Amino acid sequence: MKKLKTTKSMESTYQTIREVLEQARSQAYRAVNFAMVQAYWNIGRIIVEEEQKGKAKAGYGEYLLQELSARLTSEFGKGFDYSNVKNMRQFYVAFPIGDALRSQLSWTHYRLLMRVEKESTREFYLEECITGNWSTRQLERQLNSFYYERLLASRDKKTVTAEIQKLEPGPETKDIIKDPYVLEFLELKENKKYLENELEQGLIDKLHDFLLELGKGFSFVARQKRITIDSDHFYIDLFFYNYILKCFVLIDLKVGKLIHQDVGQMDFYIRYFEEEMKLAGDNPTIGLILCAKKNEAMAKYTLLKGSKNLFASKYKLYLPSEKELKEELQRERHLLEAEMKKIN
């Protein structure tokens, strides 16, 4: 058969058909995936109902899970070992309303979410997962880095003291900025000396991970953004735009301790952007100094009193332990109590 010459029209037709098929495959995969999620939920429901019938019998639940696992594995193959059948039971316990299951989430998503004990925290991660289109790897990373707890700790301290039950990030700066930021994906050793340009390059090389850590709404614009005043050049390390806050976000990296000169420099950058760069409809520019160490008292008097849009946050090169985060929350509460005593 003679080979026909490919024309631009033919290529366009082929690509259109290809997109239709890819979309259909994707929809079919999601439909099958969600059908299995619903099936596992129903299996969990049946197990719980059966256990409740035999609750007077010692060890009945354990026997039931083992027997079901063995028989299901022999007939349906992999996927029904003891631990997975146990997960199905837990799935129903954690998410008892079948109609509330979300088709955007896979079985692996739900298995990760089941690890979160507190219901309000679990719901927070679920919503973030859907709105942020997190993969299972991204969800696991956010769980392991205590994303919820760090965001909670970074909030207004009155909100922390009130122990808010549900976080709904809105268009406010305090809902976006976190402290600390965890940059473990850079794989830099904590005790190794490195330069600010190495830190910057690492963040650029792993920009996808950094955007995930920054949170919602961040779009990368430029690195080493130059501004010129009277033939003097100044360079901002990282330049972003946040489409939720509708504003520019300037980030300066400091591998050492935060000093007042750093604050003055960022304040200058913000003022310049407000005068020269901000467009009609944009909200005030945010400046974030990302530093290895931060003196809380100095930060308080140079940042909080001077500007509502100038922040300093610590960065960590490793995933903090649950103990470290609890200590950080406790320390923040003590600071709030001290401030309240001064006011009263």
Protein backbone atom coordinates (compact mmCIF):
# COMPACT_ATOMS: atom_id res chain seq x y z
CA MET A 1 0.00 0.00 0.00
CA LYS A 2 1.33 3.39 -1.02
CA LYS A 3 2.22 5.63 1.93
CA LEU A 4 0.20 8.83 1.91
CA LYS A 5 1.91 12.16 2.44
CA THR A 6 1.11 13.69 5.81
CA THR A 7 -0.40 17.15 5.46
CA LYS A 8 -0.94 19.81 8.09
CA SER A 9 -4.67 19.12 7.91
CA MET A 10 -4.13 15.40 8.38
CA GLU A 11 -1.81 16.00 11.34
CA SER A 12 -4.36 18.31 12.96
CA THR A 13 -7.11 15.70 12.47
CA TYR A 14 -4.93 12.98 13.98
CA GLN A 15 -4.03 15.08 17.03
CA THR A 16 -7.70 15.91 17.62
CA ILE A 17 -8.65 12.20 17.51
CA ARG A 18 -5.70 11.35 19.73
CA GLU A 19 -6.88 13.88 22.36
CA VAL A 20 -10.39 12.36 22.27
CA LEU A 21 -8.96 8.88 22.91
CA GLU A 22 -6.62 10.05 25.67
CA GLN A 23 -9.48 11.86 27.39
CA ALA A 24 -11.69 8.78 27.13
CA ARG A 25 -8.94 6.58 28.58
CA SER A 26 -8.42 9.00 31.43
CA GLN A 27 -12.15 9.14 32.20
CA ALA A 28 -12.39 5.35 32.05
CA TYR A 29 -9.45 4.98 34.41
CA ARG A 30 -10.94 7.44 36.90
CA ALA A 31 -14.32 5.70 36.71
CA VAL A 32 -12.79 2.26 37.35
CA ASN A 33 -10.61 3.67 40.11
CA PHE A 34 -13.55 5.27 41.90
CA ALA A 35 -15.63 2.12 41.46
CA MET A 36 -12.93 0.23 43.39
CA VAL A 37 -12.89 2.93 46.10
CA GLN A 38 -16.66 2.49 46.49
CA ALA A 39 -16.26 -1.29 46.53
CA TYR A 40 -13.63 -1.12 49.30
CA TRP A 41 -15.91 1.21 51.29
CA ASN A 42 -18.78 -1.26 50.97
CA ILE A 43 -16.52 -4.13 52.02
CA GLY A 44 -15.58 -2.12 55.10
CA ARG A 45 -19.24 -1.45 55.86
CA ILE A 46 -20.15 -5.14 55.60
CA ILE A 47 -17.23 -6.12 57.86
CA VAL A 48 -18.22 -3.58 60.54
CA GLU A 49 -21.85 -4.66 60.43
CA GLU A 50 -20.85 -8.33 60.69
CA GLU A 51 -18.47 -7.58 63.59
CA GLN A 52 -21.24 -5.79 65.46
CA LYS A 53 -23.39 -8.87 65.20
CA GLY A 54 -20.67 -11.01 66.72
CA LYS A 55 -19.27 -8.44 69.14
CA ALA A 56 -20.02 -10.67 72.13
CA LYS A 57 -17.60 -13.27 70.84
CA ALA A 58 -14.01 -12.69 71.94
CA GLY A 59 -11.61 -12.33 69.00
CA TYR A 60 -14.39 -12.62 66.41
CA GLY A 61 -13.26 -9.50 64.51
CA GLU A 62 -9.71 -10.79 64.15
CA TYR A 63 -10.93 -14.18 62.96
CA LEU A 64 -13.30 -12.53 60.46
CA LEU A 65 -10.56 -10.42 58.89
CA GLN A 66 -8.15 -13.34 58.56
CA GLU A 67 -10.79 -15.64 57.07
CA LEU A 68 -12.01 -13.01 54.58
CA SER A 69 -8.44 -12.17 53.57
CA ALA A 70 -7.58 -15.80 52.85
CA ARG A 71 -10.71 -16.52 50.82
CA LEU A 72 -10.72 -13.23 48.87
CA THR A 73 -7.03 -13.63 47.99
CA SER A 74 -7.56 -17.17 46.70
CA GLU A 75 -10.43 -16.04 44.47
CA PHE A 76 -9.53 -12.48 43.47
CA GLY A 77 -5.73 -12.45 43.83
CA LYS A 78 -3.53 -9.70 45.21
CA GLY A 79 -4.98 -6.71 47.04
CA PHE A 80 -6.81 -8.58 49.77
CA ASP A 81 -4.07 -9.42 52.25
CA TYR A 82 -4.87 -9.04 55.94
CA SER A 83 -3.57 -5.46 56.24
CA ASN A 84 -5.54 -4.26 53.21
CA VAL A 85 -8.78 -5.87 54.38
CA LYS A 86 -8.18 -4.22 57.74
CA ASN A 87 -7.71 -0.91 55.90
CA MET A 88 -11.10 -1.39 54.24
CA ARG A 89 -12.73 -1.72 57.63
CA GLN A 90 -10.92 1.40 58.84
CA PHE A 91 -11.94 3.20 55.63
CA TYR A 92 -15.61 2.81 56.52
CA VAL A 93 -14.98 3.88 60.13
CA ALA A 94 -13.09 7.02 59.06
CA PHE A 95 -15.48 7.91 56.23
CA PRO A 96 -18.89 6.53 57.26
CA ILE A 97 -20.92 8.49 54.68
CA GLY A 98 -20.66 6.74 51.34
CA ASP A 99 -22.23 9.57 49.35
CA ALA A 100 -19.46 11.89 50.59
CA LEU A 101 -16.67 9.90 48.92
CA ARG A 102 -14.78 12.00 46.39
CA SER A 103 -14.18 10.66 42.90
CA GLN A 104 -11.00 12.74 42.56
CA LEU A 105 -9.23 10.62 45.20
CA SER A 106 -7.75 7.17 44.72
CA TRP A 107 -7.64 4.30 47.19
CA THR A 108 -4.04 5.24 47.98
CA HIS A 109 -5.14 8.81 48.78
CA TYR A 110 -7.74 7.47 51.20
CA ARG A 111 -5.29 5.05 52.82
CA LEU A 112 -2.97 7.98 53.55
CA LEU A 113 -5.83 10.15 54.85
CA MET A 114 -6.90 7.38 57.24
CA ARG A 115 -3.62 7.88 59.09
CA VAL A 116 -4.90 11.28 60.27
CA GLU A 117 -6.76 10.70 63.52
CA LYS A 118 -8.52 14.03 64.02
CA GLU A 119 -11.54 14.38 61.74
CA SER A 120 -11.23 18.14 61.15
CA THR A 121 -7.56 17.77 60.23
CA ARG A 122 -8.38 14.86 57.93
CA GLU A 123 -11.05 16.96 56.19
CA PHE A 124 -8.54 19.79 55.77
CA TYR A 125 -6.07 17.50 53.98
CA LEU A 126 -8.86 16.01 51.86
CA GLU A 127 -9.99 19.42 50.61
CA GLU A 128 -6.41 20.60 50.04
CA CYS A 129 -5.72 17.41 48.13
CA ILE A 130 -8.62 18.04 45.76
CA THR A 131 -8.20 21.78 45.24
CA GLY A 132 -4.42 21.42 44.86
CA ASN A 133 -4.73 18.29 42.69
CA TRP A 134 -2.13 16.57 44.88
CA SER A 135 -0.70 13.27 43.79
CA THR A 136 -0.40 10.54 46.41
CA ARG A 137 3.32 11.34 46.69
CA GLN A 138 2.53 15.01 47.35
CA LEU A 139 -0.10 14.12 49.94
CA GLU A 140 2.31 11.80 51.74
CA ARG A 141 4.98 14.48 51.76
CA GLN A 142 2.59 17.06 53.23
CA LEU A 143 1.46 14.63 55.91
CA ASN A 144 5.03 13.73 56.83
CA SER A 145 6.05 17.40 57.01
CA PHE A 146 3.04 18.25 59.25
CA TYR A 147 1.73 20.80 56.75
CA TYR A 148 -1.48 21.40 58.75
CA GLU A 149 0.34 21.95 62.04
CA ARG A 150 2.86 24.32 60.46
CA LEU A 151 0.11 26.31 58.80
CA LEU A 152 -1.79 26.43 62.08
CA ALA A 153 1.32 27.60 63.94
CA SER A 154 1.85 30.35 61.39
CA ARG A 155 -1.63 31.74 61.84
CA ASP A 156 -2.69 34.64 63.98
CA LYS A 157 -1.90 33.58 67.54
CA LYS A 158 -5.45 34.22 68.77
CA THR A 159 -6.62 31.70 66.19
CA VAL A 160 -4.06 29.21 67.48
CA THR A 161 -5.18 29.66 71.07
CA ALA A 162 -8.81 29.18 70.05
CA GLU A 163 -7.71 25.89 68.43
CA ILE A 164 -9.64 26.43 65.24
CA GLN A 165 -11.42 23.27 64.14
CA LYS A 166 -11.30 23.81 60.41
CA LEU A 167 -8.85 25.75 58.25
CA GLU A 168 -10.24 27.29 55.10
CA PRO A 169 -7.36 29.23 53.48
CA GLY A 170 -8.79 32.49 52.21
CA PRO A 171 -7.42 35.55 50.44
CA GLU A 172 -5.43 36.84 53.41
CA THR A 173 -1.66 37.06 53.71
CA LYS A 174 -1.59 35.32 57.09
CA ASP A 175 -3.27 32.29 55.50
CA ILE A 176 -0.50 31.91 52.93
CA ILE A 177 2.76 32.60 54.79
CA LYS A 178 4.06 29.72 56.92
CA ASP A 179 6.78 29.46 59.53
CA PRO A 180 8.85 27.35 59.23
CA TYR A 181 9.24 26.21 55.63
CA VAL A 182 10.62 22.71 55.18
CA LEU A 183 13.11 22.29 52.32
CA GLU A 184 14.14 18.68 52.87
CA PHE A 185 13.77 17.99 49.15
CA LEU A 186 16.98 19.98 48.54
CA GLU A 187 18.92 17.20 50.31
CA LEU A 188 21.35 19.71 51.82
CA LYS A 189 23.05 18.67 55.04
CA GLU A 190 22.07 20.73 58.07
CA ASN A 191 25.65 21.14 59.30
CA LYS A 192 27.21 21.84 55.90
CA LYS A 193 28.17 25.38 54.95
CA TYR A 194 26.60 26.52 51.71
CA LEU A 195 26.11 29.83 49.93
CA GLU A 196 22.87 31.67 49.27
CA ASN A 197 23.26 31.14 45.52
CA GLU A 198 23.50 27.36 46.14
CA LEU A 199 20.26 27.49 48.12
CA GLU A 200 18.65 29.56 45.37
CA GLN A 201 19.84 27.20 42.62
CA GLY A 202 18.54 24.21 44.56
CA LEU A 203 15.10 25.81 44.84
CA ILE A 204 15.07 26.58 41.11
CA ASP A 205 16.18 23.04 40.24
CA LYS A 206 13.33 21.64 42.33
CA LEU A 207 10.83 24.40 41.68
CA HIS A 208 7.86 22.02 41.62
CA ASP A 209 8.65 20.85 45.18
CA PHE A 210 9.24 24.42 46.33
CA LEU A 211 5.89 25.57 44.89
CA LEU A 212 4.21 22.72 46.74
CA GLU A 213 5.86 23.85 49.98
CA LEU A 214 4.97 27.52 49.40
CA GLY A 215 1.31 26.56 49.14
CA LYS A 216 -1.66 27.72 47.12
CA GLY A 217 -1.62 30.23 44.32
CA PHE A 218 2.10 30.76 43.71
CA SER A 219 3.39 31.28 40.16
CA PHE A 220 7.11 31.64 39.52
CA VAL A 221 8.10 34.84 37.66
CA ALA A 222 11.88 35.26 37.86
CA ARG A 223 15.09 34.75 39.80
CA GLN A 224 17.57 37.54 40.55
CA LYS A 225 14.99 40.13 39.51
CA ARG A 226 16.93 43.33 38.83
CA ILE A 227 15.73 46.77 39.80
CA THR A 228 17.74 49.87 38.97
CA ILE A 229 17.73 53.22 40.76
CA ASP A 230 20.10 56.00 39.66
CA SER A 231 22.29 53.47 37.80
CA ASP A 232 22.59 51.30 40.95
CA HIS A 233 21.43 47.71 40.47
CA PHE A 234 19.71 45.58 43.10
CA TYR A 235 18.70 41.94 42.78
CA ILE A 236 15.77 40.12 44.42
CA ASP A 237 16.51 36.41 44.82
CA LEU A 238 13.11 34.96 43.87
CA PHE A 239 10.09 36.71 42.41
CA PHE A 240 6.57 35.20 42.43
CA TYR A 241 2.98 36.24 41.84
CA ASN A 242 0.18 34.80 43.97
CA TYR A 243 -3.07 34.65 42.02
CA ILE A 244 -5.16 34.03 45.16
CA LEU A 245 -3.87 37.09 46.99
CA LYS A 246 -3.48 38.92 43.66
CA CYS A 247 -0.11 40.38 44.53
CA PHE A 248 3.64 40.15 43.93
CA VAL A 249 5.63 38.06 46.41
CA LEU A 250 9.34 38.83 46.81
CA ILE A 251 11.61 36.30 48.52
CA ASP A 252 15.12 36.97 49.80
CA LEU A 253 17.24 34.03 50.96
CA LYS A 254 19.56 34.26 53.96
CA VAL A 255 21.72 31.30 54.97
CA GLY A 256 22.52 32.91 58.32
CA LYS A 257 20.68 34.77 61.05
CA LEU A 258 18.14 37.48 60.28
CA ILE A 259 19.54 40.98 60.90
CA HIS A 260 17.91 44.38 60.72
CA GLN A 261 19.74 45.24 57.47
CA ASP A 262 17.89 42.34 55.81
CA VAL A 263 14.61 43.85 56.93
CA GLY A 264 15.55 47.30 55.64
CA GLN A 265 16.54 45.86 52.27
CA MET A 266 13.27 43.97 51.85
CA ASP A 267 11.30 47.03 52.93
CA PHE A 268 13.05 48.96 50.16
CA TYR A 269 12.14 46.30 47.60
CA ILE A 270 8.48 46.37 48.65
CA ARG A 271 8.29 50.15 48.44
CA TYR A 272 9.86 50.09 44.98
CA PHE A 273 7.38 47.51 43.70
CA GLU A 274 4.49 49.46 45.17
CA GLU A 275 5.56 52.59 43.32
CA GLU A 276 6.93 51.19 40.06
CA MET A 277 5.68 47.66 39.39
CA LYS A 278 2.25 47.13 40.90
CA LEU A 279 -0.59 47.14 38.39
CA ALA A 280 -4.12 48.42 38.84
CA GLY A 281 -6.14 45.85 40.78
CA ASP A 282 -3.08 44.29 42.46
CA ASN A 283 -3.01 44.04 46.24
CA PRO A 284 0.00 45.26 48.27
CA THR A 285 3.30 43.51 47.56
CA ILE A 286 4.47 40.88 50.07
CA GLY A 287 8.09 40.50 51.11
CA LEU A 288 9.32 37.26 52.68
CA ILE A 289 12.81 36.81 54.10
CA LEU A 290 13.61 33.11 54.27
CA CYS A 291 16.37 32.68 56.83
CA ALA A 292 18.18 29.86 58.64
CA LYS A 293 17.82 31.56 62.04
CA LYS A 294 15.44 34.20 63.36
CA ASN A 295 15.55 36.24 66.53
CA GLU A 296 11.88 36.44 67.54
CA ALA A 297 12.19 39.69 69.49
CA MET A 298 14.05 41.44 66.68
CA ALA A 299 11.59 40.13 64.10
CA LYS A 300 8.69 41.35 66.21
CA TYR A 301 9.91 44.92 66.56
CA THR A 302 11.30 45.35 63.04
CA LEU A 303 8.66 43.44 61.09
CA LEU A 304 5.33 43.27 62.86
CA LYS A 305 5.30 46.87 64.03
CA GLY A 306 6.50 48.29 60.71
CA SER A 307 4.66 46.45 57.95
CA LYS A 308 1.77 44.06 57.60
CA ASN A 309 3.26 42.68 54.40
CA LEU A 310 6.86 42.05 55.45
CA PHE A 311 7.59 38.64 56.97
CA ALA A 312 10.51 36.55 58.11
CA SER A 313 10.24 32.75 58.26
CA LYS A 314 12.76 30.10 59.16
CA TYR A 315 13.56 27.29 56.80
CA LYS A 316 14.51 23.77 57.84
CA LEU A 317 16.52 21.32 55.75
CA TYR A 318 14.90 18.29 57.33
CA LEU A 319 11.42 17.12 58.22
CA PRO A 320 10.69 18.25 61.79
CA SER A 321 9.59 15.61 64.24
CA GLU A 322 6.15 15.69 65.81
CA LYS A 323 7.84 16.51 69.12
CA GLU A 324 9.58 19.55 67.61
CA LEU A 325 6.34 20.85 66.18
CA LYS A 326 4.48 20.38 69.46
CA GLU A 327 7.25 22.29 71.25
CA GLU A 328 6.98 25.07 68.66
CA LEU A 329 3.22 25.33 69.16
CA GLN A 330 3.70 25.37 72.93
CA ARG A 331 6.29 28.12 72.63
CA GLU A 332 3.92 30.21 70.49
CA ARG A 333 1.16 29.81 73.08
CA HIS A 334 3.50 30.97 75.84
CA LEU A 335 4.39 34.07 73.79
CA LEU A 336 0.69 34.83 73.30
CA GLU A 337 -0.04 34.43 77.01
CA ALA A 338 2.81 36.80 77.85
CA GLU A 339 1.46 39.38 75.40
CA MET A 340 -2.06 39.09 76.83
CA LYS A 341 -0.76 39.65 80.35
CA LYS A 342 0.96 42.86 79.20
CA ILE A 343 -2.26 44.10 77.61
CA ASN A 344 -4.32 43.30 80.73
